[in-house]
């Protein structure tokens, strides 16, 4: 129960980020608290044996519902181009669509959709990309480039996982 509440807290944090986006200190603090909550919900679930199917679904949904408004806010408040926004959300869109397909067609295989290292790296680089934009730090293009490459890797990595979970259909001709 507690891990799910921690996951849900990211929805309030997303709203807080949107509201306080023009205050860099508060915005970055919210990002840090959200990052800690993302780690903490998993730690509590494992440590206190509170892993549930709901939690396994809720955590990534809350992650997406946090990052999408945060990145969209960067477009409207900080001038991030829509093309760059598209690059940053590519992995999230692919993951969401892939998980939806598995959920609808193969609900018994949802537990095979475990977090991947590529996704964790993308999340970290998204965090640093947002911090760069909010604080106006130098070398944004380097951070963005790393996030873009990690996104491409994660899309391929998760796409491969989705294909394995869903099974590949082989055409067999019969005489």
Protein backbone atom coordinates (compact mmCIF):
# COMPACT_ATOMS: atom_id res chain seq x y z
CA UNK A 1 0.00 0.00 0.00
CA UNK A 2 2.73 2.49 0.97
CA UNK A 3 4.71 1.95 -2.27
CA UNK A 4 1.58 2.75 -4.30
CA UNK A 5 1.04 5.96 -2.33
CA UNK A 6 4.65 6.94 -2.96
CA UNK A 7 4.15 6.29 -6.69
CA UNK A 8 0.94 8.34 -6.69
CA UNK A 9 2.78 11.23 -5.01
CA UNK A 10 4.51 11.85 -8.34
CA UNK A 11 1.18 13.05 -9.76
CA UNK A 12 1.09 15.85 -7.19
CA UNK A 13 4.78 16.53 -7.83
CA UNK A 14 4.08 16.87 -11.57
CA UNK A 15 1.40 19.45 -10.84
CA UNK A 16 3.80 21.22 -8.49
CA UNK A 17 6.50 21.32 -11.15
CA UNK A 18 4.12 22.82 -13.69
CA UNK A 19 2.99 25.43 -11.16
CA UNK A 20 6.49 26.37 -9.95
CA UNK A 21 8.37 25.84 -13.22
CA UNK A 22 9.51 29.47 -13.36
CA UNK A 23 11.27 29.15 -9.99
CA UNK A 24 14.37 27.08 -10.76
CA UNK A 25 15.17 26.22 -7.14
CA UNK A 26 11.69 24.89 -6.42
CA UNK A 27 11.42 23.16 -9.82
CA UNK A 28 14.72 21.31 -9.35
CA UNK A 29 13.78 20.40 -5.78
CA UNK A 30 10.55 18.87 -7.08
CA UNK A 31 12.53 16.91 -9.67
CA UNK A 32 14.83 15.58 -6.95
CA UNK A 33 11.92 14.59 -4.70
CA UNK A 34 10.27 12.82 -7.65
CA UNK A 35 13.49 10.96 -8.40
CA UNK A 36 13.78 9.88 -4.79
CA UNK A 37 10.15 8.76 -4.77
CA UNK A 38 10.76 6.67 -7.88
CA UNK A 39 13.59 4.85 -6.12
CA UNK A 40 11.82 4.74 -2.75
CA UNK A 41 8.59 3.08 -3.93
CA UNK A 42 10.56 0.15 -5.34
CA UNK A 43 12.80 -0.09 -2.29
CA UNK A 44 9.84 -0.11 0.12
CA UNK A 45 7.99 -2.68 -1.98
CA UNK A 46 11.01 -5.01 -1.95
CA UNK A 47 12.15 -4.36 1.63
CA UNK A 48 8.71 -4.73 3.20
CA UNK A 49 7.48 -7.45 0.82
CA UNK A 50 4.74 -5.23 -0.58
CA UNK A 51 5.14 -6.03 -4.27
CA UNK A 52 1.78 -6.21 -6.01
CA UNK A 53 0.49 -6.44 -9.56
CA UNK A 54 -1.15 -3.04 -9.05
CA UNK A 55 2.13 -1.55 -7.92
CA UNK A 56 3.98 -3.02 -10.89
CA UNK A 57 1.49 -1.26 -13.17
CA UNK A 58 1.08 1.91 -11.13
CA UNK A 59 4.79 2.78 -10.86
CA UNK A 60 5.49 3.10 -14.60
CA UNK A 61 2.14 4.81 -15.21
CA UNK A 62 2.96 7.40 -12.55
CA UNK A 63 6.44 7.79 -14.06
CA UNK A 64 4.90 8.62 -17.45
CA UNK A 65 2.27 10.89 -15.88
CA UNK A 66 5.10 12.75 -14.16
CA UNK A 67 7.57 13.13 -17.01
CA UNK A 68 5.13 14.10 -19.77
CA UNK A 69 3.81 17.30 -18.15
CA UNK A 70 7.32 18.16 -16.94
CA UNK A 71 8.71 17.92 -20.47
CA UNK A 72 5.72 19.73 -21.97
CA UNK A 73 6.28 22.54 -19.45
CA UNK A 74 9.82 22.88 -20.78
CA UNK A 75 8.34 23.63 -24.20
CA UNK A 76 5.95 26.32 -22.96
CA UNK A 77 8.07 27.91 -20.22
CA UNK A 78 11.67 27.34 -21.33
CA UNK A 79 11.39 27.14 -25.11
CA UNK A 80 12.39 23.50 -25.64
CA UNK A 81 11.55 22.76 -29.26
CA UNK A 82 8.71 20.33 -29.96
CA UNK A 83 11.16 18.18 -31.98
CA UNK A 84 13.41 17.81 -28.94
CA UNK A 85 10.36 17.07 -26.82
CA UNK A 86 9.49 14.29 -29.27
CA UNK A 87 12.96 12.78 -28.92
CA UNK A 88 12.76 12.90 -25.13
CA UNK A 89 9.35 11.20 -24.96
CA UNK A 90 9.99 8.55 -27.65
CA UNK A 91 10.86 5.82 -25.16
CA UNK A 92 7.86 6.66 -22.99
CA UNK A 93 5.50 6.47 -25.96
CA UNK A 94 6.95 3.15 -27.17
CA UNK A 95 6.83 1.69 -23.65
CA UNK A 96 3.28 2.79 -23.08
CA UNK A 97 2.05 1.43 -26.41
CA UNK A 98 3.97 -1.82 -26.01
CA UNK A 99 2.69 -2.36 -22.48
CA UNK A 100 -0.85 -1.62 -23.66
CA UNK A 101 -0.57 -4.24 -26.41
CA UNK A 102 0.76 -6.82 -23.94
CA UNK A 103 -1.95 -5.93 -21.42
CA UNK A 104 -4.73 -6.24 -24.01
CA UNK A 105 -3.48 -9.31 -25.92
CA UNK A 106 -1.37 -11.19 -23.36
CA UNK A 107 -2.44 -10.11 -19.86
CA UNK A 108 -0.79 -13.17 -18.32
CA UNK A 109 2.60 -11.99 -19.57
CA UNK A 110 2.61 -8.53 -17.98
CA UNK A 111 5.02 -9.68 -15.29
CA UNK A 112 7.63 -10.23 -18.03
CA UNK A 113 7.74 -6.46 -18.59
CA UNK A 114 10.32 -5.75 -15.94
CA UNK A 115 12.33 -2.53 -15.81
CA UNK A 116 15.33 -2.49 -18.14
CA UNK A 117 18.73 -0.89 -17.64
CA UNK A 118 18.20 1.14 -20.81
CA UNK A 119 15.05 2.66 -19.32
CA UNK A 120 16.82 3.57 -16.09
CA UNK A 121 19.58 5.29 -18.04
CA UNK A 122 17.05 7.23 -20.12
CA UNK A 123 15.24 8.32 -16.97
CA UNK A 124 18.51 9.58 -15.47
CA UNK A 125 19.43 11.44 -18.64
CA UNK A 126 15.91 12.92 -18.91
CA UNK A 127 16.37 14.19 -15.36
CA UNK A 128 19.68 15.86 -16.22
CA UNK A 129 18.23 17.27 -19.43
CA UNK A 130 15.39 18.88 -17.50
CA UNK A 131 17.82 20.23 -14.89
CA UNK A 132 19.98 21.69 -17.68
CA UNK A 133 16.98 23.47 -19.18
CA UNK A 134 15.57 24.75 -15.87
CA UNK A 135 18.91 26.01 -14.57
CA UNK A 136 20.17 27.19 -17.95
CA UNK A 137 23.38 25.18 -17.57
CA UNK A 138 26.00 25.05 -20.32
CA UNK A 139 26.52 22.05 -22.61
CA UNK A 140 22.82 21.34 -23.00
CA UNK A 141 23.45 19.87 -26.46
CA UNK A 142 25.80 17.27 -24.98
CA UNK A 143 23.25 16.22 -22.37
CA UNK A 144 20.45 16.22 -24.92
CA UNK A 145 22.56 14.18 -27.36
CA UNK A 146 23.27 11.58 -24.67
CA UNK A 147 19.56 11.43 -23.80
CA UNK A 148 18.65 11.07 -27.48
CA UNK A 149 21.09 8.18 -27.98
CA UNK A 150 19.88 6.49 -24.80
CA UNK A 151 16.28 6.92 -25.99
CA UNK A 152 17.11 5.22 -29.30
CA UNK A 153 18.80 2.35 -27.43
CA UNK A 154 15.84 2.03 -25.04
CA UNK A 155 13.30 2.01 -27.87
CA UNK A 156 15.22 -0.84 -29.54
CA UNK A 157 15.74 -2.65 -26.23
CA UNK A 158 12.11 -2.42 -25.14
CA UNK A 159 10.90 -3.18 -28.67
CA UNK A 160 12.92 -6.39 -28.59
CA UNK A 161 11.44 -7.26 -25.20
CA UNK A 162 7.90 -6.61 -26.43
CA UNK A 163 8.47 -8.85 -29.47
CA UNK A 164 9.71 -11.67 -27.22
CA UNK A 165 6.82 -11.28 -24.77
CA UNK A 166 4.23 -11.20 -27.54
CA UNK A 167 5.95 -13.95 -29.51
CA UNK A 168 6.90 -13.64 -33.11
CA UNK A 169 4.52 -15.13 -35.59
CA UNK A 170 6.06 -17.37 -38.19
CA UNK A 171 4.26 -17.95 -41.39
CA UNK A 172 3.98 -21.60 -42.26
CA UNK A 173 2.64 -22.58 -45.60
CA UNK A 174 0.71 -25.80 -45.95
CA UNK A 175 0.46 -27.74 -49.19
